[in-house]
Amino acid sequence: MAGGWAKDGAVAEQIEASISDELARMRARKQPSGQSLTHCADCEEPIPEARRDALPGVKLCIDCAGQRDTRNAPRGGINRRGSKDSQLK
């Protein structure tokens, strides 16, 4: 497929690079470690033993962890490796 100034396979390389960047960012997220709390650090509700066993170092109950996850702002949609056309969309 003709891609103008882009070399053959540039789109596939762009997609693979974007996926690699996101996977690296997800792997770099700090996971809890150490001693788990028996009660949530935010609401003081008991944390179930199954959750403490599954996630060593957990500090929040499921409800508080879910609320904290939804508070994080989504990442911007700028594609650094994209062509000029993909950045204009």
PDB file of N, CA and C in Angstrom:
ATOM      1  N   MET A   1       0.854  -1.175   0.000  1.00  0.00           N
ATOM      2  CA  MET A   1       0.000   0.000   0.000  1.00  0.00           C
ATOM      3  C   MET A   1       0.894   1.232   0.000  1.00  0.00           C
ATOM      4  N   ALA A   2       0.543   2.171  -0.832  1.00  0.00           N
ATOM      5  CA  ALA A   2       1.311   3.411  -0.917  1.00  0.00           C
ATOM      6  C   ALA A   2       1.017   4.276   0.289  1.00  0.00           C
ATOM      7  N   GLY A   3       2.058   4.834   0.857  1.00  0.00           N
ATOM      8  CA  GLY A   3       1.878   5.633   2.058  1.00  0.00           C
ATOM      9  C   GLY A   3       2.426   7.029   1.932  1.00  0.00           C
ATOM     10  N   GLY A   4       2.543   7.530   0.691  1.00  0.00           N
ATOM     11  CA  GLY A   4       3.089   8.874   0.531  1.00  0.00           C
ATOM     12  C   GLY A   4       4.565   8.874   0.887  1.00  0.00           C
ATOM     13  N   TRP A   5       4.930   9.714   1.826  1.00  0.00           N
ATOM     14  CA  TRP A   5       6.328   9.814   2.235  1.00  0.00           C
ATOM     15  C   TRP A   5       6.736   8.734   3.223  1.00  0.00           C
ATOM     16  N   ALA A   6       5.765   8.067   3.803  1.00  0.00           N
ATOM     17  CA  ALA A   6       6.061   7.038   4.799  1.00  0.00           C
ATOM     18  C   ALA A   6       6.592   5.786   4.125  1.00  0.00           C
ATOM     19  N   LYS A   7       7.503   5.115   4.800  1.00  0.00           N
ATOM     20  CA  LYS A   7       8.044   3.868   4.266  1.00  0.00           C
ATOM     21  C   LYS A   7       7.035   2.742   4.457  1.00  0.00           C
ATOM     22  N   ASP A   8       7.251   1.653   3.754  1.00  0.00           N
ATOM     23  CA  ASP A   8       6.366   0.494   3.877  1.00  0.00           C
ATOM     24  C   ASP A   8       6.399  -0.037   5.305  1.00  0.00           C
ATOM     25  N   GLY A   9       5.250  -0.333   5.853  1.00  0.00           N
ATOM     26  CA  GLY A   9       5.166  -0.883   7.204  1.00  0.00           C
ATOM     27  C   GLY A   9       5.221   0.162   8.302  1.00  0.00           C
ATOM     28  N   ALA A  10       5.172   1.451   7.948  1.00  0.00           N
ATOM     29  CA  ALA A  10       5.272   2.502   8.959  1.00  0.00           C
ATOM     30  C   ALA A  10       4.082   2.484   9.912  1.00  0.00           C
ATOM     31  N   VAL A  11       2.917   2.192   9.400  1.00  0.00           N
ATOM     32  CA  VAL A  11       1.724   2.177  10.255  1.00  0.00           C
ATOM     33  C   VAL A  11       1.821   1.040  11.265  1.00  0.00           C
ATOM     34  N   ALA A  12       2.253  -0.124  10.811  1.00  0.00           N
ATOM     35  CA  ALA A  12       2.397  -1.255  11.724  1.00  0.00           C
ATOM     36  C   ALA A  12       3.446  -0.955  12.796  1.00  0.00           C
ATOM     37  N   GLU A  13       4.551  -0.318  12.392  1.00  0.00           N
ATOM     38  CA  GLU A  13       5.579   0.052  13.365  1.00  0.00           C
ATOM     39  C   GLU A  13       5.045   1.048  14.386  1.00  0.00           C
ATOM     40  N   GLN A  14       4.229   1.982  13.921  1.00  0.00           N
ATOM     41  CA  GLN A  14       3.635   2.979  14.818  1.00  0.00           C
ATOM     42  C   GLN A  14       2.713   2.304  15.832  1.00  0.00           C
ATOM     43  N   ILE A  15       1.908   1.374  15.383  1.00  0.00           N
ATOM     44  CA  ILE A  15       0.993   0.666  16.284  1.00  0.00           C
ATOM     45  C   ILE A  15       1.785  -0.153  17.291  1.00  0.00           C
ATOM     46  N   GLU A  16       2.793  -0.873  16.832  1.00  0.00           N
ATOM     47  CA  GLU A  16       3.612  -1.690  17.727  1.00  0.00           C
ATOM     48  C   GLU A  16       4.337  -0.827  18.756  1.00  0.00           C
ATOM     49  N   ALA A  17       4.831   0.342  18.332  1.00  0.00           N
ATOM     50  CA  ALA A  17       5.525   1.238  19.259  1.00  0.00           C
ATOM     51  C   ALA A  17       4.563   1.779  20.314  1.00  0.00           C
ATOM     52  N   SER A  18       3.345   2.111  19.905  1.00  0.00           N
ATOM     53  CA  SER A  18       2.355   2.613  20.863  1.00  0.00           C
ATOM     54  C   SER A  18       1.999   1.544  21.888  1.00  0.00           C
ATOM     55  N   ILE A  19       1.834   0.311  21.419  1.00  0.00           N
ATOM     56  CA  ILE A  19       1.516  -0.795  22.325  1.00  0.00           C
ATOM     57  C   ILE A  19       2.682  -1.048  23.276  1.00  0.00           C
ATOM     58  N   SER A  20       3.899  -1.025  22.756  1.00  0.00           N
ATOM     59  CA  SER A  20       5.084  -1.244  23.596  1.00  0.00           C
ATOM     60  C   SER A  20       5.208  -0.163  24.664  1.00  0.00           C
ATOM     61  N   ASP A  21       4.956   1.087  24.289  1.00  0.00           N
ATOM     62  CA  ASP A  21       5.021   2.177  25.256  1.00  0.00           C
ATOM     63  C   ASP A  21       4.001   1.996  26.372  1.00  0.00           C
ATOM     64  N   GLU A  22       2.789   1.609  26.008  1.00  0.00           N
ATOM     65  CA  GLU A  22       1.737   1.436  27.011  1.00  0.00           C
ATOM     66  C   GLU A  22       2.040   0.255  27.922  1.00  0.00           C
ATOM     67  N   LEU A  23       2.534  -0.835  27.361  1.00  0.00           N
ATOM     68  CA  LEU A  23       2.896  -1.991  28.189  1.00  0.00           C
ATOM     69  C   LEU A  23       4.024  -1.646  29.152  1.00  0.00           C
ATOM     70  N   ALA A  24       5.007  -0.890  28.686  1.00  0.00           N
ATOM     71  CA  ALA A  24       6.107  -0.478  29.564  1.00  0.00           C
ATOM     72  C   ALA A  24       5.589   0.412  30.690  1.00  0.00           C
ATOM     73  N   ARG A  25       4.649   1.304  30.372  1.00  0.00           N
ATOM     74  CA  ARG A  25       4.077   2.177  31.396  1.00  0.00           C
ATOM     75  C   ARG A  25       3.305   1.368  32.429  1.00  0.00           C
ATOM     76  N   MET A  26       2.564   0.356  31.970  1.00  0.00           N
ATOM     77  CA  MET A  26       1.789  -0.463  32.896  1.00  0.00           C
ATOM     78  C   MET A  26       2.692  -1.309  33.781  1.00  0.00           C
ATOM     79  N   ARG A  27       3.771  -1.837  33.211  1.00  0.00           N
ATOM     80  CA  ARG A  27       4.701  -2.642  34.004  1.00  0.00           C
ATOM     81  C   ARG A  27       5.438  -1.798  35.035  1.00  0.00           C
ATOM     82  N   ALA A  28       5.637  -0.527  34.724  1.00  0.00           N
ATOM     83  CA  ALA A  28       6.382   0.354  35.623  1.00  0.00           C
ATOM     84  C   ALA A  28       5.545   0.819  36.814  1.00  0.00           C
ATOM     85  N   ARG A  29       4.223   0.633  36.730  1.00  0.00           N
ATOM     86  CA  ARG A  29       3.371   1.030  37.860  1.00  0.00           C
ATOM     87  C   ARG A  29       3.799   0.290  39.101  1.00  0.00           C
ATOM     88  N   LYS A  30       3.912   1.012  40.154  1.00  0.00           N
ATOM     89  CA  LYS A  30       4.368   0.401  41.400  1.00  0.00           C
ATOM     90  C   LYS A  30       3.255  -0.466  41.991  1.00  0.00           C
ATOM     91  N   GLN A  31       3.566  -1.703  42.236  1.00  0.00           N
ATOM     92  CA  GLN A  31       2.626  -2.641  42.846  1.00  0.00           C
ATOM     93  C   GLN A  31       2.821  -2.631  44.356  1.00  0.00           C
ATOM     94  N   PRO A  32       1.748  -2.846  45.115  1.00  0.00           N
ATOM     95  CA  PRO A  32       1.899  -2.896  46.567  1.00  0.00           C
ATOM     96  C   PRO A  32       2.797  -4.048  46.992  1.00  0.00           C
ATOM     97  N   SER A  33       3.527  -3.838  48.048  1.00  0.00           N
ATOM     98  CA  SER A  33       4.371  -4.897  48.587  1.00  0.00           C
ATOM     99  C   SER A  33       4.471  -4.703  50.096  1.00  0.00           C
ATOM    100  N   GLY A  34       4.943  -5.720  50.779  1.00  0.00           N
ATOM    101  CA  GLY A  34       5.107  -5.637  52.218  1.00  0.00           C
ATOM    102  C   GLY A  34       3.898  -6.164  52.959  1.00  0.00           C
ATOM    103  N   GLN A  35       3.713  -5.670  54.163  1.00  0.00           N
ATOM    104  CA  GLN A  35       2.637  -6.121  55.033  1.00  0.00           C
ATOM    105  C   GLN A  35       1.309  -5.477  54.645  1.00  0.00           C
ATOM    106  N   SER A  36       0.277  -6.285  54.473  1.00  0.00           N
ATOM    107  CA  SER A  36      -1.062  -5.774  54.179  1.00  0.00           C
ATOM    108  C   SER A  36      -1.700  -5.229  55.443  1.00  0.00           C
ATOM    109  N   LEU A  37      -2.525  -4.226  55.276  1.00  0.00           N
ATOM    110  CA  LEU A  37      -3.296  -3.702  56.397  1.00  0.00           C
ATOM    111  C   LEU A  37      -4.540  -4.561  56.605  1.00  0.00           C
ATOM    112  N   THR A  38      -5.005  -4.652  57.833  1.00  0.00           N
ATOM    113  CA  THR A  38      -6.230  -5.403  58.102  1.00  0.00           C
ATOM    114  C   THR A  38      -7.462  -4.537  57.886  1.00  0.00           C
ATOM    115  N   HIS A  39      -7.292  -3.209  57.957  1.00  0.00           N
ATOM    116  CA  HIS A  39      -8.388  -2.270  57.738  1.00  0.00           C
ATOM    117  C   HIS A  39      -7.962  -1.232  56.705  1.00  0.00           C
ATOM    118  N   CYS A  40      -8.924  -0.777  55.925  1.00  0.00           N
ATOM    119  CA  CYS A  40      -8.676   0.172  54.841  1.00  0.00           C
ATOM    120  C   CYS A  40      -8.075   1.467  55.379  1.00  0.00           C
ATOM    121  N   ALA A  41      -7.090   2.007  54.682  1.00  0.00           N
ATOM    122  CA  ALA A  41      -6.437   3.247  55.090  1.00  0.00           C
ATOM    123  C   ALA A  41      -7.351   4.453  54.904  1.00  0.00           C
ATOM    124  N   ASP A  42      -8.352   4.363  54.033  1.00  0.00           N
ATOM    125  CA  ASP A  42      -9.250   5.495  53.789  1.00  0.00           C
ATOM    126  C   ASP A  42     -10.519   5.443  54.638  1.00  0.00           C
ATOM    127  N   CYS A  43     -11.211   4.301  54.623  1.00  0.00           N
ATOM    128  CA  CYS A  43     -12.531   4.244  55.271  1.00  0.00           C
ATOM    129  C   CYS A  43     -12.552   3.404  56.551  1.00  0.00           C
ATOM    130  N   GLU A  44     -11.463   2.770  56.905  1.00  0.00           N
ATOM    131  CA  GLU A  44     -11.346   1.961  58.116  1.00  0.00           C
ATOM    132  C   GLU A  44     -12.206   0.692  58.112  1.00  0.00           C
ATOM    133  N   GLU A  45     -12.762   0.310  56.954  1.00  0.00           N
ATOM    134  CA  GLU A  45     -13.516  -0.950  56.853  1.00  0.00           C
ATOM    135  C   GLU A  45     -12.517  -2.110  56.818  1.00  0.00           C
ATOM    136  N   PRO A  46     -12.889  -3.284  57.327  1.00  0.00           N
ATOM    137  CA  PRO A  46     -11.983  -4.433  57.271  1.00  0.00           C
ATOM    138  C   PRO A  46     -11.705  -4.862  55.828  1.00  0.00           C
ATOM    139  N   ILE A  47     -10.463  -5.196  55.560  1.00  0.00           N
ATOM    140  CA  ILE A  47     -10.084  -5.712  54.245  1.00  0.00           C
ATOM    141  C   ILE A  47     -10.174  -7.238  54.326  1.00  0.00           C
ATOM    142  N   PRO A  48     -10.925  -7.878  53.426  1.00  0.00           N
ATOM    143  CA  PRO A  48     -11.077  -9.340  53.483  1.00  0.00           C
ATOM    144  C   PRO A  48      -9.726 -10.054  53.378  1.00  0.00           C
ATOM    145  N   GLU A  49      -9.620 -11.177  54.089  1.00  0.00           N
ATOM    146  CA  GLU A  49      -8.371 -11.935  54.108  1.00  0.00           C
ATOM    147  C   GLU A  49      -7.986 -12.411  52.709  1.00  0.00           C
ATOM    148  N   ALA A  50      -8.977 -12.768  51.898  1.00  0.00           N
ATOM    149  CA  ALA A  50      -8.685 -13.231  50.538  1.00  0.00           C
ATOM    150  C   ALA A  50      -7.999 -12.126  49.731  1.00  0.00           C
ATOM    151  N   ARG A  51      -8.424 -10.878  49.907  1.00  0.00           N
ATOM    152  CA  ARG A  51      -7.794  -9.747  49.197  1.00  0.00           C
ATOM    153  C   ARG A  51      -6.375  -9.525  49.701  1.00  0.00           C
ATOM    154  N   ARG A  52      -6.188  -9.636  51.006  1.00  0.00           N
ATOM    155  CA  ARG A  52      -4.839  -9.458  51.570  1.00  0.00           C
ATOM    156  C   ARG A  52      -3.894 -10.540  51.092  1.00  0.00           C
ATOM    157  N   ASP A  53      -4.408 -11.779  50.929  1.00  0.00           N
ATOM    158  CA  ASP A  53      -3.577 -12.866  50.436  1.00  0.00           C
ATOM    159  C   ASP A  53      -3.257 -12.699  48.949  1.00  0.00           C
ATOM    160  N   ALA A  54      -4.236 -12.214  48.182  1.00  0.00           N
ATOM    161  CA  ALA A  54      -4.052 -12.074  46.734  1.00  0.00           C
ATOM    162  C   ALA A  54      -3.125 -10.917  46.386  1.00  0.00           C
ATOM    163  N   LEU A  55      -3.178  -9.842  47.164  1.00  0.00           N
ATOM    164  CA  LEU A  55      -2.364  -8.652  46.902  1.00  0.00           C
ATOM    165  C   LEU A  55      -1.530  -8.312  48.128  1.00  0.00           C
ATOM    166  N   PRO A  56      -0.342  -8.860  48.240  1.00  0.00           N
ATOM    167  CA  PRO A  56       0.495  -8.524  49.399  1.00  0.00           C
ATOM    168  C   PRO A  56       0.781  -7.026  49.436  1.00  0.00           C
ATOM    169  N   GLY A  57       0.604  -6.432  50.593  1.00  0.00           N
ATOM    170  CA  GLY A  57       0.860  -5.006  50.760  1.00  0.00           C
ATOM    171  C   GLY A  57      -0.334  -4.123  50.464  1.00  0.00           C
ATOM    172  N   VAL A  58      -1.526  -4.727  50.319  1.00  0.00           N
ATOM    173  CA  VAL A  58      -2.711  -3.937  49.991  1.00  0.00           C
ATOM    174  C   VAL A  58      -3.071  -3.019  51.158  1.00  0.00           C
ATOM    175  N   LYS A  59      -3.457  -1.794  50.845  1.00  0.00           N
ATOM    176  CA  LYS A  59      -3.771  -0.805  51.869  1.00  0.00           C
ATOM    177  C   LYS A  59      -5.224  -0.325  51.816  1.00  0.00           C
ATOM    178  N   LEU A  60      -5.931  -0.617  50.697  1.00  0.00           N
ATOM    179  CA  LEU A  60      -7.295  -0.128  50.510  1.00  0.00           C
ATOM    180  C   LEU A  60      -8.270  -1.276  50.285  1.00  0.00           C
ATOM    181  N   CYS A  61      -9.517  -1.063  50.700  1.00  0.00           N
ATOM    182  CA  CYS A  61     -10.563  -2.035  50.399  1.00  0.00           C
ATOM    183  C   CYS A  61     -10.926  -1.915  48.913  1.00  0.00           C
ATOM    184  N   ILE A  62     -11.737  -2.821  48.431  1.00  0.00           N
ATOM    185  CA  ILE A  62     -12.083  -2.845  47.007  1.00  0.00           C
ATOM    186  C   ILE A  62     -12.810  -1.571  46.603  1.00  0.00           C
ATOM    187  N   ASP A  63     -13.751  -1.099  47.424  1.00  0.00           N
ATOM    188  CA  ASP A  63     -14.510   0.106  47.081  1.00  0.00           C
ATOM    189  C   ASP A  63     -13.608   1.331  46.984  1.00  0.00           C
ATOM    190  N   CYS A  64     -12.741   1.531  47.953  1.00  0.00           N
ATOM    191  CA  CYS A  64     -11.849   2.698  47.948  1.00  0.00           C
ATOM    192  C   CYS A  64     -10.828   2.613  46.815  1.00  0.00           C
ATOM    193  N   ALA A  65     -10.341   1.408  46.529  1.00  0.00           N
ATOM    194  CA  ALA A  65      -9.395   1.239  45.426  1.00  0.00           C
ATOM    195  C   ALA A  65     -10.070   1.565  44.097  1.00  0.00           C
ATOM    196  N   GLY A  66     -11.314   1.146  43.934  1.00  0.00           N
ATOM    197  CA  GLY A  66     -12.060   1.453  42.715  1.00  0.00           C
ATOM    198  C   GLY A  66     -12.291   2.940  42.547  1.00  0.00           C
ATOM    199  N   GLN A  67     -12.632   3.616  43.647  1.00  0.00           N
ATOM    200  CA  GLN A  67     -12.833   5.067  43.584  1.00  0.00           C
ATOM    201  C   GLN A  67     -11.534   5.780  43.243  1.00  0.00           C
ATOM    202  N   ARG A  68     -10.435   5.332  43.801  1.00  0.00           N
ATOM    203  CA  ARG A  68      -9.135   5.965  43.526  1.00  0.00           C
ATOM    204  C   ARG A  68      -8.734   5.743  42.072  1.00  0.00           C
ATOM    205  N   ASP A  69      -9.035   4.554  41.530  1.00  0.00           N
ATOM    206  CA  ASP A  69      -8.688   4.278  40.136  1.00  0.00           C
ATOM    207  C   ASP A  69      -9.486   5.157  39.175  1.00  0.00           C
ATOM    208  N   THR A  70     -10.743   5.439  39.492  1.00  0.00           N
ATOM    209  CA  THR A  70     -11.554   6.258  38.589  1.00  0.00           C
ATOM    210  C   THR A  70     -11.215   7.737  38.707  1.00  0.00           C
ATOM    211  N   ARG A  71     -10.558   8.150  39.783  1.00  0.00           N
ATOM    212  CA  ARG A  71     -10.177   9.559  39.929  1.00  0.00           C
ATOM    213  C   ARG A  71      -9.020   9.934  39.023  1.00  0.00           C
ATOM    214  N   ASN A  72      -8.194   8.957  38.637  1.00  0.00           N
ATOM    215  CA  ASN A  72      -7.048   9.262  37.791  1.00  0.00           C
ATOM    216  C   ASN A  72      -7.522   9.756  36.437  1.00  0.00           C
ATOM    217  N   ALA A  73      -6.944  10.849  35.991  1.00  0.00           N
ATOM    218  CA  ALA A  73      -7.323  11.420  34.700  1.00  0.00           C
ATOM    219  C   ALA A  73      -6.802  10.535  33.573  1.00  0.00           C
ATOM    220  N   PRO A  74      -7.598  10.362  32.536  1.00  0.00           N
ATOM    221  CA  PRO A  74      -7.113   9.572  31.405  1.00  0.00           C
ATOM    222  C   PRO A  74      -5.956  10.284  30.711  1.00  0.00           C
ATOM    223  N   ARG A  75      -5.098   9.483  30.107  1.00  0.00           N
ATOM    224  CA  ARG A  75      -3.946  10.051  29.415  1.00  0.00           C
ATOM    225  C   ARG A  75      -4.385  10.738  28.137  1.00  0.00           C
ATOM    226  N   GLY A  76      -3.607  11.714  27.714  1.00  0.00           N
ATOM    227  CA  GLY A  76      -3.900  12.445  26.491  1.00  0.00           C
ATOM    228  C   GLY A  76      -3.775  11.558  25.266  1.00  0.00           C
ATOM    229  N   GLY A  77      -4.401  11.971  24.203  1.00  0.00           N
ATOM    230  CA  GLY A  77      -4.402  11.183  22.982  1.00  0.00           C
ATOM    231  C   GLY A  77      -3.355  11.611  21.978  1.00  0.00           C
ATOM    232  N   ILE A  78      -2.270  12.198  22.409  1.00  0.00           N
ATOM    233  CA  ILE A  78      -1.244  12.638  21.473  1.00  0.00           C
ATOM    234  C   ILE A  78      -0.377  11.457  21.093  1.00  0.00           C
ATOM    235  N   ASN A  79      -0.237  11.256  19.818  1.00  0.00           N
ATOM    236  CA  ASN A  79       0.584  10.169  19.309  1.00  0.00           C
ATOM    237  C   ASN A  79       1.909  10.771  18.865  1.00  0.00           C
ATOM    238  N   ARG A  80       2.951  10.621  19.669  1.00  0.00           N
ATOM    239  CA  ARG A  80       4.240  11.236  19.373  1.00  0.00           C
ATOM    240  C   ARG A  80       4.854  10.698  18.100  1.00  0.00           C
ATOM    241  N   ARG A  81       4.607   9.447  17.795  1.00  0.00           N
ATOM    242  CA  ARG A  81       5.233   8.835  16.630  1.00  0.00           C
ATOM    243  C   ARG A  81       4.359   8.931  15.394  1.00  0.00           C
ATOM    244  N   GLY A  82       3.201   9.506  15.526  1.00  0.00           N
ATOM    245  CA  GLY A  82       2.260   9.521  14.428  1.00  0.00           C
ATOM    246  C   GLY A  82       2.612  10.533  13.353  1.00  0.00           C
ATOM    247  N   SER A  83       1.955  10.400  12.247  1.00  0.00           N
ATOM    248  CA  SER A  83       2.137  11.348  11.166  1.00  0.00           C
ATOM    249  C   SER A  83       1.382  12.622  11.491  1.00  0.00           C
ATOM    250  N   LYS A  84       1.600  13.638  10.693  1.00  0.00           N
ATOM    251  CA  LYS A  84       0.918  14.908  10.903  1.00  0.00           C
ATOM    252  C   LYS A  84      -0.596  14.709  10.847  1.00  0.00           C
ATOM    253  N   ASP A  85      -1.064  13.862   9.915  1.00  0.00           N
ATOM    254  CA  ASP A  85      -2.493  13.635   9.788  1.00  0.00           C
ATOM    255  C   ASP A  85      -3.098  13.021  11.046  1.00  0.00           C
ATOM    256  N   SER A  86      -2.399  12.082  11.683  1.00  0.00           N
ATOM    257  CA  SER A  86      -2.956  11.435  12.862  1.00  0.00           C
ATOM    258  C   SER A  86      -3.000  12.387  14.046  1.00  0.00           C
ATOM    259  N   GLN A  87      -2.137  13.392  14.071  1.00  0.00           N
ATOM    260  CA  GLN A  87      -2.133  14.356  15.167  1.00  0.00           C
ATOM    261  C   GLN A  87      -3.215  15.412  14.993  1.00  0.00           C
ATOM    262  N   LEU A  88      -3.715  15.586  13.786  1.00  0.00           N
ATOM    263  CA  LEU A  88      -4.744  16.584  13.527  1.00  0.00           C
ATOM    264  C   LEU A  88      -6.136  16.079  13.862  1.00  0.00           C
ATOM    265  N   LYS A  89      -6.301  14.786  14.037  1.00  0.00           N
ATOM    266  CA  LYS A  89      -7.630  14.223  14.299  1.00  0.00           C
ATOM    267  C   LYS A  89      -8.084  14.529  15.690  1.00  0.00           C
TER     268      LYS A  89
END
